[in-house]
Each structure stands twice: as structure tokens, then as C-alpha cells.
Amino acid sequence: MSTKKHIAILGSTGSIGTQALEVIRANPEKFIVEVLTAMNNSALLIRQAQEFKPNAVVIVNDNHYDEVFEALDPLDIKVYSGVDALSAVVQIEVIDLVLTALVGYAGLKPTISAIESGKNIGLANKETLVVAGELITSLAESKAVNIYPVDSEHSAIFQCLVGEFHNPIEKIILTASGGPFRGKTTNELANVRKEQALKHPNWDMGAKITIDSASLMNKGLEVIEAKWLFNLRMDQIEVIVHPQSIIHSIVQFEDGSMKAQMGLPDMKLPIQFAMTYPDRIKSDFPRFNFLDYPELTFEQPDKKTFRNLGLAFEAMEKGGNMPCILNAANEVAVSKFLKDEIGFLEMSDLIEDSMAKASFIKKPTYEDYVMSDKQTREIANAYKN
């Protein structure tokens, strides 16, 4: 990397955002932070801005605007608030890469705005492609914008494809840890609490993605994301449970050869690869030792117990706005579970109910996605109320 990359981080106070800033902190000669944004965590956003001196920050919650402005105005850092500001700041001309680390549907609109402005995307917000994969990928192609995956599984596939882009994929194998409840029966899961679901065995992530991992919805969303990122058919995507989380995913080519990307479960590596591609830069991340992992094991996912994975495949097969419906229902389900309003297994019931009741649109526009998201949340919030 001969020149510094100018980076905008949407969601800088979350798990992915803070780790991205760790990468930048370790490589100040390679990156300039242009934009930082947060939903509510004004205190951390202020500290980040004071350290990295971005051109602009956005605090989405208007109630925190005065606090952030008073702290950062003396540093000549522009301060904005509100949802619309996210879509505006990504258009700053000098930005080279927009890292979308927002959680959920909130990432869709600013990602579209960034692509329309010709910015390359570091995509940590899988829901953007789940909700509107066809729209996003076609727009990126028309604008000659690259989308670099940040999810460990999709980064693994991308890394395996470097130098192989001209060779057709036979299939990809997404690996799943199985989460904290791997091997549990429905009876055992009937009364689990959020405190148990939030204890992931391998990864340190935010609450929403950790619950998604426990229910296997995270893997379902990744299946849909992979379809759009790598232009795959449904029958080309396989999920296998790999409890050690050392093999992050596998690509099988038409000659039968397979490539796997391996490493310790550390999100900083795929974050750094997305930010530095096509280069690899030196890091001090912990190194893998085979003798610490004498066995790497694999098993089939239990789709009967963990129904969310099957529901995601159903949504992808039906297409249209059904993945959007799936995503909106899941976001409500996770929120209700975290607030102790529904049980762990009831999340799948809520999602299935919403998929049956929401209006299906075969060829949705952006406005249709917005409507579908709104309608589905109303249906999901009314579940058992």
C-alpha cells in the first residue's frame, strides 16, 4: 500500500468497528479515518474521535447531538445527527472505503448511498445483502464498486478465490461453530435464557449476532449473503458444523480440488484483509498452532432443532422480498428474546408466522423493501400480543 486509504466506519462503537480501529491504530501509516458513526454510544464515539481526528462524525440519536458537538467542535470535527446523515457522510469525496459495521436493516440505505457515490465497500453488515442482494450487487456492478466481505466465512471464500476468479466454483462450504447450544434437544432449549445464549464458545461479538449464532440464523443469513456475493445457486451452498472454528470456509472447484482458509477465530484478520486488499500487511495477531488443535471435527447442522437455518434456505429459494421478510422478523424476534418476551424456540415460530403473513413481492423495488420491512415488523411485533 503506497498511499494511505481514507476510511469511513459506520458503526464504529460496535464490535466490528472497534476492532477495525484497532487495525488502524496498529497501522497509522496506512490509514486515515474520515468518518466515524454511532447509534447511541456517544461517550465512546467522542473518545474515538478525539484519538483518530476524523473529518466528521454522526451520532444517529439526536438526543446526544449537543454532548458530541460540545466535545468535538473545538477539534474542528464536523458533527451530524439523524439517520439521513449516515447516507450523506459516505459521499465525502476523499473516502476510499466505507466499512459498514451497522447492525441489521439499518445498514441498507447508507450502503446504497456509498455505492452510488462510487465508494468501495467493506461489508460487515450481512443484512444488506440478505434484504436486497439483487439490488445491491447490480448497483455495485453498474458503479464499478468492489464489495469486500468482512464476515469471517465470506472473507475466507474471497481469500480462497484470489487467483481463481476465472475458475468456476462447484460449491462452497460455509462452516458454523454450532454456537453455545450445539447438540441440545428441543426439550433442553425450551427454557434457555438470554444469558446462556450470549455465551458464544469461540467468538466475541455483539448481542444480536451472538443470539443469531446460537439459533443458527446467523448461518442462514450468511447463506443468503454468499449467494449474492459469489453469484451462486442454492444447490452450490453447503453448511457444515465445525466446532473449533479454525477452518473458516471452503471452496470446491470443478476439478474436485478444495481450498480452505484457516486461522484462529479473530475478526481483526478479515477486517484487515478487507481494508488492505489486494495487499496483506504484517500483523501481530496470535498465530495458529496445529498441536493446540489435534482434532478438527465436522458434523451436519441440526435443522430440525435449529429451524432458523431451514427458514433461511426457504426464504432464499422463494426469492423476491422473502429474505427481507425473514430478516425483519428475525430482528424483532431477537429483540423480543433479549427482552424476555418470548422463549428461544419461539423465535423460529415468530419468524415462520411472519413469513406466512407478510405480502410476497416477486420483483421488489427499493420502496418495496422499505414497505416489506415495515409491514413485517408490525406483524412480528403483534405476535402473541
Foldseek 3Di string as FASTA:
>chain_A
DPQAAEEAEEALPFDLNVLLVVVCVVPVRHYAYAEYEHAAPLVVVLVVCVVRVHQEYEHAPPVCQVVSCVSCVVVNHHYYYHLVVLLVSLLPPRHAEYEYQDEFPSSQNSLLSNLVSLHAYAYPHLNNCLQPLVVNLVSNVVSVHHYQYLQLLVNFVVVQCVVPLVFDFQAKEAEALQWQQRPHALVRQFDDALVSQQDGPADDGDSLVSLCSNLVLNVLSVLSSCCRNSVDDSVRYHYKYWNQCFFRMWTATPVRDIDTHGWGPDSSQSSVCSVDPPDDDDDPPDGDDCVVPVDTDIGHDDCVSSVSNVLSSVQSVQDARSSLLLRLLLVLLSVCRNVVNDGSSCSVVLSVQLSVPFDGDRHDDPVRSVVRSVVSNVSSVPVVD
